Amino acid sequence: MERNSLVVPLSDLKSLGTPTICEAMGRRGNMCSEIKPIWAGAKIAGTAFTVFCHVGDNLTLHKALALANPGDVLVVNAGGYKECGMWGEIMSLAAQKKGIEGLVVDGAVRDLVGIAGMKFPVFARALSPSGTTKETLSSINKPIMCGGTLVNPGDIVVGDDDGVVVIPQQEMRTAVARSKERAKKEEEVRKLIQQGKSTLEIYGFDKVIKQKYPTE
């Protein structure tokens, strides 16, 4: 599959944030709530370089790390297994040296302190000190499921403290435009709140309540 040829506004995506992007996409694309950054403040925005690993074996991930390009986000289906660290400080150092944007893994990682110290963005389901085997080679840059969400190579992956959202490659421009529009509206809402307006008034929820519960 060809790599994403679109110009990705990474700074825009990071500043917009995953809640805004998810809402702008019709509440789609978000991975399950267990997949979170392992250190607070981590942010990613880049093209998905997908990896499928057999449970407890990270040989394929080592190969993917060698093949990935600057700006890629390694997105890994590790079976959701939480009892072995598929990734650690050494692999983070190697990825950072290559300019890889970050890692999202449906599984566990380890070496939290070392990874946080180098500020390499890692999103995972859990932390585990246990290691892995290196025996089974599986698929790279094929469609995978990660955190209950379909991820295709070249899709746009955005992550922050709220979680991870996947934007299908073909929807990127529309998603960004709608996210910017939503962010602008939210700024207007903040101004109205500062003026003393309630969220009931601003969003018209008072009318919804009156219509559904006329006796309230």
C-alpha atoms as a PDB file:
ATOM      1  CA  MET A   1       0.000   0.000   0.000  1.00  0.00           C
ATOM      2  CA  GLU A   2       1.233   3.482  -0.853  1.00  0.00           C
ATOM      3  CA  ARG A   3       2.198   5.749   2.016  1.00  0.00           C
ATOM      4  CA  ASN A   4      -0.076   8.680   2.748  1.00  0.00           C
ATOM      5  CA  SER A   5       0.701  11.417   0.221  1.00  0.00           C
ATOM      6  CA  LEU A   6      -1.424  14.061   1.926  1.00  0.00           C
ATOM      7  CA  VAL A   7       0.141  16.910   3.847  1.00  0.00           C
ATOM      8  CA  VAL A   8      -0.787  16.130   7.448  1.00  0.00           C
ATOM      9  CA  PRO A   9      -1.202  19.209   9.698  1.00  0.00           C
ATOM     10  CA  LEU A  10       0.356  17.532  12.715  1.00  0.00           C
ATOM     11  CA  SER A  11       0.493  20.664  14.859  1.00  0.00           C
ATOM     12  CA  ASP A  12      -3.186  21.328  14.153  1.00  0.00           C
ATOM     13  CA  LEU A  13      -4.174  17.796  15.090  1.00  0.00           C
ATOM     14  CA  LYS A  14      -2.209  17.861  18.337  1.00  0.00           C
ATOM     15  CA  SER A  15      -3.658  21.207  19.369  1.00  0.00           C
ATOM     16  CA  LEU A  16      -7.233  20.229  18.466  1.00  0.00           C
ATOM     17  CA  GLY A  17      -7.118  17.181  20.728  1.00  0.00           C
ATOM     18  CA  THR A  18      -8.761  13.777  20.569  1.00  0.00           C
ATOM     19  CA  PRO A  19     -12.160  14.723  22.095  1.00  0.00           C
ATOM     20  CA  THR A  20     -12.705  17.430  19.465  1.00  0.00           C
ATOM     21  CA  ILE A  21     -11.588  15.164  16.615  1.00  0.00           C
ATOM     22  CA  CYS A  22     -13.711  12.246  17.815  1.00  0.00           C
ATOM     23  CA  GLU A  23     -16.828  14.421  18.107  1.00  0.00           C
ATOM     24  CA  ALA A  24     -16.175  16.026  14.716  1.00  0.00           C
ATOM     25  CA  MET A  25     -16.025  12.541  13.162  1.00  0.00           C
ATOM     26  CA  GLY A  26     -19.426  11.616  14.574  1.00  0.00           C
ATOM     27  CA  ARG A  27     -18.026   9.954  17.712  1.00  0.00           C
ATOM     28  CA  ARG A  28     -16.033   7.437  15.692  1.00  0.00           C
ATOM     29  CA  GLY A  29     -12.453   6.268  15.535  1.00  0.00           C
ATOM     30  CA  ASN A  30     -11.605   6.213  19.215  1.00  0.00           C
ATOM     31  CA  MET A  31      -9.759   3.240  20.660  1.00  0.00           C
ATOM     32  CA  CYS A  32     -10.957   1.609  23.868  1.00  0.00           C
ATOM     33  CA  SER A  33     -10.539   3.625  27.040  1.00  0.00           C
ATOM     34  CA  GLU A  34      -7.825   1.357  28.475  1.00  0.00           C
ATOM     35  CA  ILE A  35      -5.292   2.496  25.881  1.00  0.00           C
ATOM     36  CA  LYS A  36      -3.759   5.629  27.384  1.00  0.00           C
ATOM     37  CA  PRO A  37      -0.367   7.383  27.453  1.00  0.00           C
ATOM     38  CA  ILE A  38       1.992   5.803  29.958  1.00  0.00           C
ATOM     39  CA  TRP A  39       3.244   9.256  30.976  1.00  0.00           C
ATOM     40  CA  ALA A  40       1.093  12.362  31.380  1.00  0.00           C
ATOM     41  CA  GLY A  41       1.226  14.933  28.603  1.00  0.00           C
ATOM     42  CA  ALA A  42       2.302  12.598  25.803  1.00  0.00           C
ATOM     43  CA  LYS A  43       0.940  13.571  22.383  1.00  0.00           C
ATOM     44  CA  ILE A  44       1.179  11.953  18.963  1.00  0.00           C
ATOM     45  CA  ALA A  45      -0.053  12.740  15.468  1.00  0.00           C
ATOM     46  CA  GLY A  46       1.256  10.786  12.504  1.00  0.00           C
ATOM     47  CA  THR A  47       0.685   8.108   9.901  1.00  0.00           C
ATOM     48  CA  ALA A  48      -0.048   4.566  11.037  1.00  0.00           C
ATOM     49  CA  PHE A  49       2.601   1.913  10.455  1.00  0.00           C
ATOM     50  CA  THR A  50       0.684  -1.191  11.484  1.00  0.00           C
ATOM     51  CA  VAL A  51       2.053  -4.311  13.147  1.00  0.00           C
ATOM     52  CA  PHE A  52       0.460  -7.617  14.150  1.00  0.00           C
ATOM     53  CA  CYS A  53       2.281  -9.581  16.839  1.00  0.00           C
ATOM     54  CA  HIS A  54       1.613 -13.009  18.259  1.00  0.00           C
ATOM     55  CA  VAL A  55       0.760 -12.792  21.951  1.00  0.00           C
ATOM     56  CA  GLY A  56       3.893 -12.506  24.060  1.00  0.00           C
ATOM     57  CA  ASP A  57       6.261 -12.284  21.068  1.00  0.00           C
ATOM     58  CA  ASN A  58       7.710  -8.996  19.791  1.00  0.00           C
ATOM     59  CA  LEU A  59       9.968 -10.209  16.967  1.00  0.00           C
ATOM     60  CA  THR A  60       7.670  -8.598  14.363  1.00  0.00           C
ATOM     61  CA  LEU A  61       7.764  -5.326  16.259  1.00  0.00           C
ATOM     62  CA  HIS A  62      11.566  -5.261  16.098  1.00  0.00           C
ATOM     63  CA  LYS A  63      11.384  -5.707  12.316  1.00  0.00           C
ATOM     64  CA  ALA A  64       8.737  -2.979  12.028  1.00  0.00           C
ATOM     65  CA  LEU A  65      10.927  -0.635  14.036  1.00  0.00           C
ATOM     66  CA  ALA A  66      13.689  -1.147  11.479  1.00  0.00           C
ATOM     67  CA  LEU A  67      11.324  -0.490   8.537  1.00  0.00           C
ATOM     68  CA  ALA A  68       9.287   2.454   9.824  1.00  0.00           C
ATOM     69  CA  ASN A  69       9.907   5.994   8.607  1.00  0.00           C
ATOM     70  CA  PRO A  70      10.170   9.360  10.384  1.00  0.00           C
ATOM     71  CA  GLY A  71       6.709  10.633  11.312  1.00  0.00           C
ATOM     72  CA  ASP A  72       5.190   7.150  11.518  1.00  0.00           C
ATOM     73  CA  VAL A  73       3.236   5.949  14.517  1.00  0.00           C
ATOM     74  CA  LEU A  74       3.790   2.263  15.206  1.00  0.00           C
ATOM     75  CA  VAL A  75       0.319   0.805  15.836  1.00  0.00           C
ATOM     76  CA  VAL A  76       0.446  -2.708  17.234  1.00  0.00           C
ATOM     77  CA  ASN A  77      -2.096  -5.458  17.746  1.00  0.00           C
ATOM     78  CA  ALA A  78      -0.566  -7.489  20.560  1.00  0.00           C
ATOM     79  CA  GLY A  79      -3.755  -9.345  21.393  1.00  0.00           C
ATOM     80  CA  GLY A  80      -4.602  -7.061  24.286  1.00  0.00           C
ATOM     81  CA  TYR A  81      -2.337  -9.177  26.512  1.00  0.00           C
ATOM     82  CA  LYS A  82      -1.287  -7.281  29.645  1.00  0.00           C
ATOM     83  CA  GLU A  83       1.253  -9.618  31.209  1.00  0.00           C
ATOM     84  CA  CYS A  84       4.412  -8.948  29.184  1.00  0.00           C
ATOM     85  CA  GLY A  85       6.108  -5.768  28.030  1.00  0.00           C
ATOM     86  CA  MET A  86       6.160  -5.711  24.232  1.00  0.00           C
ATOM     87  CA  TRP A  87       8.229  -2.516  24.188  1.00  0.00           C
ATOM     88  CA  GLY A  88      10.705  -0.786  26.472  1.00  0.00           C
ATOM     89  CA  GLU A  89      13.345   1.887  26.904  1.00  0.00           C
ATOM     90  CA  ILE A  90      15.835   0.506  24.359  1.00  0.00           C
ATOM     91  CA  MET A  91      13.233   0.263  21.593  1.00  0.00           C
ATOM     92  CA  SER A  92      12.000   3.755  22.462  1.00  0.00           C
ATOM     93  CA  LEU A  93      15.535   5.110  22.092  1.00  0.00           C
ATOM     94  CA  ALA A  94      15.890   3.405  18.702  1.00  0.00           C
ATOM     95  CA  ALA A  95      12.519   4.779  17.557  1.00  0.00           C
ATOM     96  CA  GLN A  96      13.291   8.281  18.757  1.00  0.00           C
ATOM     97  CA  LYS A  97      16.636   8.183  16.938  1.00  0.00           C
ATOM     98  CA  LYS A  98      14.786   7.348  13.685  1.00  0.00           C
ATOM     99  CA  GLY A  99      12.250  10.145  14.145  1.00  0.00           C
ATOM    100  CA  ILE A 100       9.307   7.822  14.729  1.00  0.00           C
ATOM    101  CA  GLU A 101       6.391   9.764  16.153  1.00  0.00           C
ATOM    102  CA  GLY A 102       5.321   7.281  18.820  1.00  0.00           C
ATOM    103  CA  LEU A 103       3.858   3.891  19.681  1.00  0.00           C
ATOM    104  CA  VAL A 104       0.300   2.676  20.234  1.00  0.00           C
ATOM    105  CA  VAL A 105       0.025  -0.931  21.379  1.00  0.00           C
ATOM    106  CA  ASP A 106      -2.974  -3.033  22.323  1.00  0.00           C
ATOM    107  CA  GLY A 107      -0.975  -4.765  25.002  1.00  0.00           C
ATOM    108  CA  ALA A 108       1.589  -3.928  27.664  1.00  0.00           C
ATOM    109  CA  VAL A 109       4.943  -2.147  27.732  1.00  0.00           C
ATOM    110  CA  ARG A 110       7.635  -1.683  30.363  1.00  0.00           C
ATOM    111  CA  ASP A 111      10.435   0.700  31.462  1.00  0.00           C
ATOM    112  CA  LEU A 112       8.058   3.537  32.309  1.00  0.00           C
ATOM    113  CA  VAL A 113      10.651   5.737  34.026  1.00  0.00           C
ATOM    114  CA  GLY A 114      13.162   5.485  31.178  1.00  0.00           C
ATOM    115  CA  ILE A 115      10.568   6.123  28.465  1.00  0.00           C
ATOM    116  CA  ALA A 116       9.060   9.064  30.354  1.00  0.00           C
ATOM    117  CA  GLY A 117      12.530  10.495  30.889  1.00  0.00           C
ATOM    118  CA  MET A 118      13.197  10.635  27.156  1.00  0.00           C
ATOM    119  CA  LYS A 119       9.648  11.931  26.474  1.00  0.00           C
ATOM    120  CA  PHE A 120       8.931   9.306  23.848  1.00  0.00           C
ATOM    121  CA  PRO A 121       5.132   9.004  23.390  1.00  0.00           C
ATOM    122  CA  VAL A 122       3.890   5.506  24.214  1.00  0.00           C
ATOM    123  CA  PHE A 123       0.232   4.546  24.494  1.00  0.00           C
ATOM    124  CA  ALA A 124      -0.592   1.121  25.890  1.00  0.00           C
ATOM    125  CA  ARG A 125      -3.187  -0.947  27.697  1.00  0.00           C
ATOM    126  CA  ALA A 126      -0.952  -1.766  30.691  1.00  0.00           C
ATOM    127  CA  LEU A 127       2.523  -1.898  32.185  1.00  0.00           C
ATOM    128  CA  SER A 128       4.300  -5.199  32.883  1.00  0.00           C
ATOM    129  CA  PRO A 129       7.913  -5.929  33.842  1.00  0.00           C
ATOM    130  CA  SER A 130       7.907  -9.320  32.105  1.00  0.00           C
ATOM    131  CA  GLY A 131       9.706  -9.790  28.785  1.00  0.00           C
ATOM    132  CA  THR A 132       8.709 -11.501  25.536  1.00  0.00           C
ATOM    133  CA  THR A 133       9.849 -14.269  23.211  1.00  0.00           C
ATOM    134  CA  LYS A 134      11.339 -13.495  19.799  1.00  0.00           C
ATOM    135  CA  GLU A 135      10.338 -16.468  17.695  1.00  0.00           C
ATOM    136  CA  THR A 136       7.343 -15.715  15.472  1.00  0.00           C
ATOM    137  CA  LEU A 137       7.300 -13.317  12.527  1.00  0.00           C
ATOM    138  CA  SER A 138       3.861 -12.028  11.592  1.00  0.00           C
ATOM    139  CA  SER A 139       2.438  -9.223   9.401  1.00  0.00           C
ATOM    140  CA  ILE A 140       3.542  -5.623   8.913  1.00  0.00           C
ATOM    141  CA  ASN A 141       1.626  -2.771   7.270  1.00  0.00           C
ATOM    142  CA  LYS A 142      -1.613  -4.702   6.858  1.00  0.00           C
ATOM    143  CA  PRO A 143      -5.040  -3.693   8.231  1.00  0.00           C
ATOM    144  CA  ILE A 144      -5.292  -4.529  11.940  1.00  0.00           C
ATOM    145  CA  MET A 145      -7.595  -4.037  14.890  1.00  0.00           C
ATOM    146  CA  CYS A 146      -6.125  -2.044  17.755  1.00  0.00           C
ATOM    147  CA  GLY A 147      -8.134  -1.131  20.816  1.00  0.00           C
ATOM    148  CA  GLY A 148     -11.313  -2.238  19.067  1.00  0.00           C
ATOM    149  CA  THR A 149     -10.716   0.113  16.124  1.00  0.00           C
ATOM    150  CA  LEU A 150      -9.769  -0.746  12.552  1.00  0.00           C
ATOM    151  CA  VAL A 151      -6.446   0.787  11.546  1.00  0.00           C
ATOM    152  CA  ASN A 152      -5.174   0.758   7.970  1.00  0.00           C
ATOM    153  CA  PRO A 153      -1.597   1.628   6.999  1.00  0.00           C
ATOM    154  CA  GLY A 154      -1.430   5.360   6.315  1.00  0.00           C
ATOM    155  CA  ASP A 155      -4.406   6.279   8.511  1.00  0.00           C
ATOM    156  CA  ILE A 156      -3.821   9.259  10.781  1.00  0.00           C
ATOM    157  CA  VAL A 157      -3.333   8.446  14.463  1.00  0.00           C
ATOM    158  CA  VAL A 158      -3.786  11.130  17.112  1.00  0.00           C
ATOM    159  CA  GLY A 159      -3.200  10.567  20.807  1.00  0.00           C
ATOM    160  CA  ASP A 160      -3.152  12.611  24.005  1.00  0.00           C
ATOM    161  CA  ASP A 161      -4.117  12.267  27.669  1.00  0.00           C
ATOM    162  CA  ASP A 162      -7.729  11.482  26.724  1.00  0.00           C
ATOM    163  CA  GLY A 163      -6.821   8.507  24.529  1.00  0.00           C
ATOM    164  CA  VAL A 164      -6.267   7.639  20.863  1.00  0.00           C
ATOM    165  CA  VAL A 165      -8.342   8.449  17.772  1.00  0.00           C
ATOM    166  CA  VAL A 166      -7.813   7.041  14.269  1.00  0.00           C
ATOM    167  CA  ILE A 167      -8.737   9.146  11.239  1.00  0.00           C
ATOM    168  CA  PRO A 168      -9.145   7.116   8.021  1.00  0.00           C
ATOM    169  CA  GLN A 169      -6.714   8.433   5.420  1.00  0.00           C
ATOM    170  CA  GLN A 170      -9.476   9.403   2.993  1.00  0.00           C
ATOM    171  CA  GLU A 171     -11.323  11.393   5.689  1.00  0.00           C
ATOM    172  CA  MET A 172      -8.345  13.381   6.934  1.00  0.00           C
ATOM    173  CA  ARG A 173      -9.107  16.740   5.279  1.00  0.00           C
ATOM    174  CA  THR A 174     -12.784  16.634   6.205  1.00  0.00           C
ATOM    175  CA  ALA A 175     -12.037  15.579   9.786  1.00  0.00           C
ATOM    176  CA  VAL A 176      -9.538  18.394  10.272  1.00  0.00           C
ATOM    177  CA  ALA A 177     -11.911  20.991   8.828  1.00  0.00           C
ATOM    178  CA  ARG A 178     -14.801  19.842  11.024  1.00  0.00           C
ATOM    179  CA  SER A 179     -12.554  19.677  14.075  1.00  0.00           C
ATOM    180  CA  LYS A 180     -11.398  23.258  13.531  1.00  0.00           C
ATOM    181  CA  GLU A 181     -15.002  24.366  13.147  1.00  0.00           C
ATOM    182  CA  ARG A 182     -15.943  22.619  16.393  1.00  0.00           C
ATOM    183  CA  ALA A 183     -12.977  24.150  18.227  1.00  0.00           C
ATOM    184  CA  LYS A 184     -14.040  27.608  17.049  1.00  0.00           C
ATOM    185  CA  LYS A 185     -17.584  27.061  18.349  1.00  0.00           C
ATOM    186  CA  GLU A 186     -16.238  25.891  21.702  1.00  0.00           C
ATOM    187  CA  GLU A 187     -14.214  29.085  21.997  1.00  0.00           C
ATOM    188  CA  GLU A 188     -17.410  31.064  21.460  1.00  0.00           C
ATOM    189  CA  VAL A 189     -19.089  28.995  24.189  1.00  0.00           C
ATOM    190  CA  ARG A 190     -16.273  29.847  26.600  1.00  0.00           C
ATOM    191  CA  LYS A 191     -16.854  33.549  25.957  1.00  0.00           C
ATOM    192  CA  LEU A 192     -20.589  33.181  26.614  1.00  0.00           C
ATOM    193  CA  ILE A 193     -19.877  31.365  29.886  1.00  0.00           C
ATOM    194  CA  GLN A 194     -17.582  34.208  30.920  1.00  0.00           C
ATOM    195  CA  GLN A 195     -20.495  36.553  30.218  1.00  0.00           C
ATOM    196  CA  GLY A 196     -22.635  34.611  32.694  1.00  0.00           C
ATOM    197  CA  LYS A 197     -24.591  32.333  30.369  1.00  0.00           C
ATOM    198  CA  SER A 198     -25.378  28.763  31.494  1.00  0.00           C
ATOM    199  CA  THR A 199     -24.671  25.677  29.413  1.00  0.00           C
ATOM    200  CA  LEU A 200     -28.433  25.009  29.475  1.00  0.00           C
ATOM    201  CA  GLU A 201     -29.043  28.317  27.687  1.00  0.00           C
ATOM    202  CA  ILE A 202     -26.095  28.129  25.318  1.00  0.00           C
ATOM    203  CA  TYR A 203     -26.860  24.655  24.005  1.00  0.00           C
ATOM    204  CA  GLY A 204     -30.638  24.916  24.224  1.00  0.00           C
ATOM    205  CA  PHE A 205     -30.890  22.098  26.743  1.00  0.00           C
ATOM    206  CA  ASP A 206     -33.443  24.127  28.728  1.00  0.00           C
ATOM    207  CA  LYS A 207     -35.826  23.750  25.778  1.00  0.00           C
ATOM    208  CA  VAL A 208     -35.137  20.003  25.632  1.00  0.00           C
ATOM    209  CA  ILE A 209     -35.974  19.645  29.313  1.00  0.00           C
ATOM    210  CA  LYS A 210     -39.119  21.763  28.974  1.00  0.00           C
ATOM    211  CA  GLN A 211     -40.306  19.662  26.030  1.00  0.00           C
ATOM    212  CA  LYS A 212     -39.574  16.278  27.596  1.00  0.00           C
ATOM    213  CA  TYR A 213     -40.380  17.141  31.205  1.00  0.00           C
ATOM    214  CA  PRO A 214     -43.017  19.936  31.137  1.00  0.00           C
ATOM    215  CA  THR A 215     -43.712  19.657  34.870  1.00  0.00           C
ATOM    216  CA  GLU A 216     -40.114  20.258  35.929  1.00  0.00           C
END
